[in-house]
Amino acid sequence: MFVAAFLAGSFFPFSSEVVMLGMLAAGCNPDDLLLWGTAGNTLGSLFNYCVGSLGREEWITRLTKTPPEKLEKGKKWVRRYGAWAGLLAWVPLLGSVITVAMGFLKVRMIYGMTAVAVGKYVRYWILVLAYVQI
């Protein structure tokens, strides 16, 4: 779960939700999946943050295959909401752009990654809860 979540949390296209649901169906402990999913996904976002902190926009857009206008959108969100934008890092496609922009704009890592971790935890918690209720 950790590796799948890390890949999904970074700018690599991957779905950790599918892996989590498969592991839940296989009988894995939901609490363990929640812990490892959140940790991996948050560290994937930290990877994005570090890529963004390199500060070379043309290199970032080439490496992440993110169009410049999409990176600008992420920077706009981060300029407006600061570290709080990290709460939306779980949103597909938008989340990677936000975390790269957080690094690019030098948002304080502790605040940004705390917001990211909270958002990702809540997302996985809802997924686990929905599965357990079904």
Protein backbone atom coordinates (compact mmCIF):
# COMPACT_ATOMS: atom_id res chain seq x y z
CA MET A 1 0.00 0.00 0.00
CA PHE A 2 2.82 2.38 0.85
CA VAL A 3 4.45 2.15 -2.60
CA ALA A 4 1.13 2.51 -4.43
CA ALA A 5 0.24 5.53 -2.30
CA PHE A 6 3.68 7.09 -2.81
CA LEU A 7 3.37 6.80 -6.58
CA ALA A 8 -0.17 8.20 -6.51
CA GLY A 9 0.91 11.08 -4.26
CA SER A 10 3.70 12.05 -6.62
CA PHE A 11 3.21 13.31 -10.15
CA PHE A 12 3.29 9.76 -11.55
CA PRO A 13 -0.15 8.67 -12.81
CA PHE A 14 -1.33 5.94 -10.45
CA SER A 15 -4.48 5.09 -8.47
CA SER A 16 -3.85 4.11 -4.87
CA GLU A 17 -7.60 3.92 -4.23
CA VAL A 18 -7.89 0.87 -6.49
CA VAL A 19 -5.02 -0.80 -4.64
CA MET A 20 -6.54 0.06 -1.26
CA LEU A 21 -9.94 -1.33 -2.24
CA GLY A 22 -8.30 -4.50 -3.52
CA MET A 23 -6.36 -4.91 -0.30
CA LEU A 24 -9.51 -4.30 1.76
CA ALA A 25 -11.29 -6.96 -0.31
CA ALA A 26 -8.38 -9.32 0.36
CA GLY A 27 -8.93 -8.88 4.10
CA CYS A 28 -6.08 -6.52 5.00
CA ASN A 29 -6.43 -4.52 8.19
CA PRO A 30 -8.17 -1.19 7.40
CA ASP A 31 -6.21 0.67 10.10
CA ASP A 32 -2.90 -0.49 8.63
CA LEU A 33 -4.00 0.49 5.14
CA LEU A 34 -5.08 3.90 6.39
CA LEU A 35 -1.73 4.45 8.11
CA TRP A 36 0.48 3.22 5.25
CA GLY A 37 -1.67 4.86 2.59
CA THR A 38 -1.53 8.24 4.29
CA ALA A 39 2.22 7.97 4.93
CA GLY A 40 3.05 6.93 1.38
CA ASN A 41 0.76 9.47 -0.24
CA THR A 42 2.11 12.28 1.95
CA LEU A 43 5.71 11.35 1.14
CA GLY A 44 4.80 11.29 -2.56
CA SER A 45 3.57 14.85 -2.14
CA LEU A 46 6.78 15.73 -0.31
CA PHE A 47 8.66 14.44 -3.36
CA ASN A 48 6.59 16.85 -5.49
CA TYR A 49 7.33 19.66 -3.04
CA CYS A 50 11.07 18.97 -3.37
CA VAL A 51 10.84 18.97 -7.17
CA GLY A 52 9.03 22.31 -7.00
CA SER A 53 11.59 23.75 -4.60
CA LEU A 54 14.26 23.38 -7.28
CA GLY A 55 12.72 26.55 -8.67
CA ARG A 56 13.28 26.12 -12.39
CA GLU A 57 9.84 26.35 -13.92
CA GLU A 58 10.80 25.08 -17.37
CA TRP A 59 12.54 22.06 -15.82
CA ILE A 60 9.57 21.38 -13.52
CA THR A 61 7.04 21.46 -16.36
CA ARG A 62 9.20 19.15 -18.47
CA LEU A 63 9.88 16.65 -15.66
CA THR A 64 6.30 16.51 -14.38
CA LYS A 65 4.75 16.82 -17.86
CA THR A 66 2.60 19.60 -16.45
CA PRO A 67 1.60 22.33 -18.88
CA PRO A 68 2.83 25.77 -17.74
CA GLU A 69 -0.75 27.06 -17.47
CA LYS A 70 -1.62 24.22 -15.09
CA LEU A 71 1.39 25.02 -12.93
CA GLU A 72 0.27 28.66 -12.91
CA LYS A 73 -3.15 27.52 -11.68
CA GLY A 74 -1.50 25.61 -8.83
CA LYS A 75 0.64 28.62 -7.95
CA LYS A 76 -2.47 30.80 -7.93
CA TRP A 77 -4.15 28.44 -5.42
CA VAL A 78 -1.05 28.38 -3.23
CA ARG A 79 -0.61 32.16 -3.34
CA ARG A 80 -4.23 32.59 -2.33
CA TYR A 81 -4.49 29.91 0.39
CA GLY A 82 -0.88 29.27 1.40
CA ALA A 83 -0.27 26.01 3.25
CA TRP A 84 -4.03 25.46 3.49
CA ALA A 85 -4.02 24.62 -0.23
CA GLY A 86 -2.36 21.37 0.83
CA LEU A 87 -5.71 20.16 2.15
CA LEU A 88 -6.70 19.68 -1.51
CA ALA A 89 -3.60 17.68 -2.43
CA TRP A 90 -5.73 14.53 -2.62
CA VAL A 91 -7.73 15.86 -5.59
CA PRO A 92 -6.71 13.97 -8.75
CA LEU A 93 -4.62 16.03 -11.20
CA LEU A 94 -4.88 19.19 -9.08
CA GLY A 95 -3.10 17.73 -6.04
CA SER A 96 0.25 17.18 -7.72
CA VAL A 97 0.21 20.67 -9.18
CA ILE A 98 -0.55 22.15 -5.76
CA THR A 99 2.27 20.30 -4.02
CA VAL A 100 4.79 21.20 -6.74
CA ALA A 101 3.64 24.83 -6.50
CA MET A 102 4.00 24.73 -2.71
CA GLY A 103 7.66 23.83 -3.14
CA PHE A 104 8.18 26.35 -5.92
CA LEU A 105 6.71 29.14 -3.79
CA LYS A 106 8.64 28.01 -0.70
CA VAL A 107 5.61 27.41 1.52
CA ARG A 108 6.89 26.37 4.96
CA MET A 109 7.25 22.63 4.62
CA ILE A 110 5.97 21.72 8.09
CA TYR A 111 2.70 23.60 7.59
CA GLY A 112 2.24 22.56 3.99
CA MET A 113 2.91 18.87 4.57
CA THR A 114 0.73 18.84 7.70
CA ALA A 115 -2.18 20.15 5.63
CA VAL A 116 -1.39 17.61 2.90
CA ALA A 117 -1.31 14.74 5.41
CA VAL A 118 -4.63 15.78 6.96
CA GLY A 119 -6.34 16.00 3.57
CA LYS A 120 -4.97 12.64 2.43
CA TYR A 121 -5.86 10.95 5.72
CA VAL A 122 -9.45 12.18 5.52
CA ARG A 123 -9.75 11.00 1.92
CA TYR A 124 -8.50 7.48 2.78
CA TRP A 125 -10.59 7.40 5.95
CA ILE A 126 -13.74 8.11 3.91
CA LEU A 127 -12.76 5.40 1.42
CA VAL A 128 -12.18 2.83 4.18
CA LEU A 129 -15.37 3.83 5.98
CA ALA A 130 -17.40 3.55 2.77
CA TYR A 131 -15.94 0.09 2.10
CA VAL A 132 -16.55 -1.17 5.64
CA GLN A 133 -20.16 0.12 5.57
CA ILE A 134 -20.99 -1.70 2.33
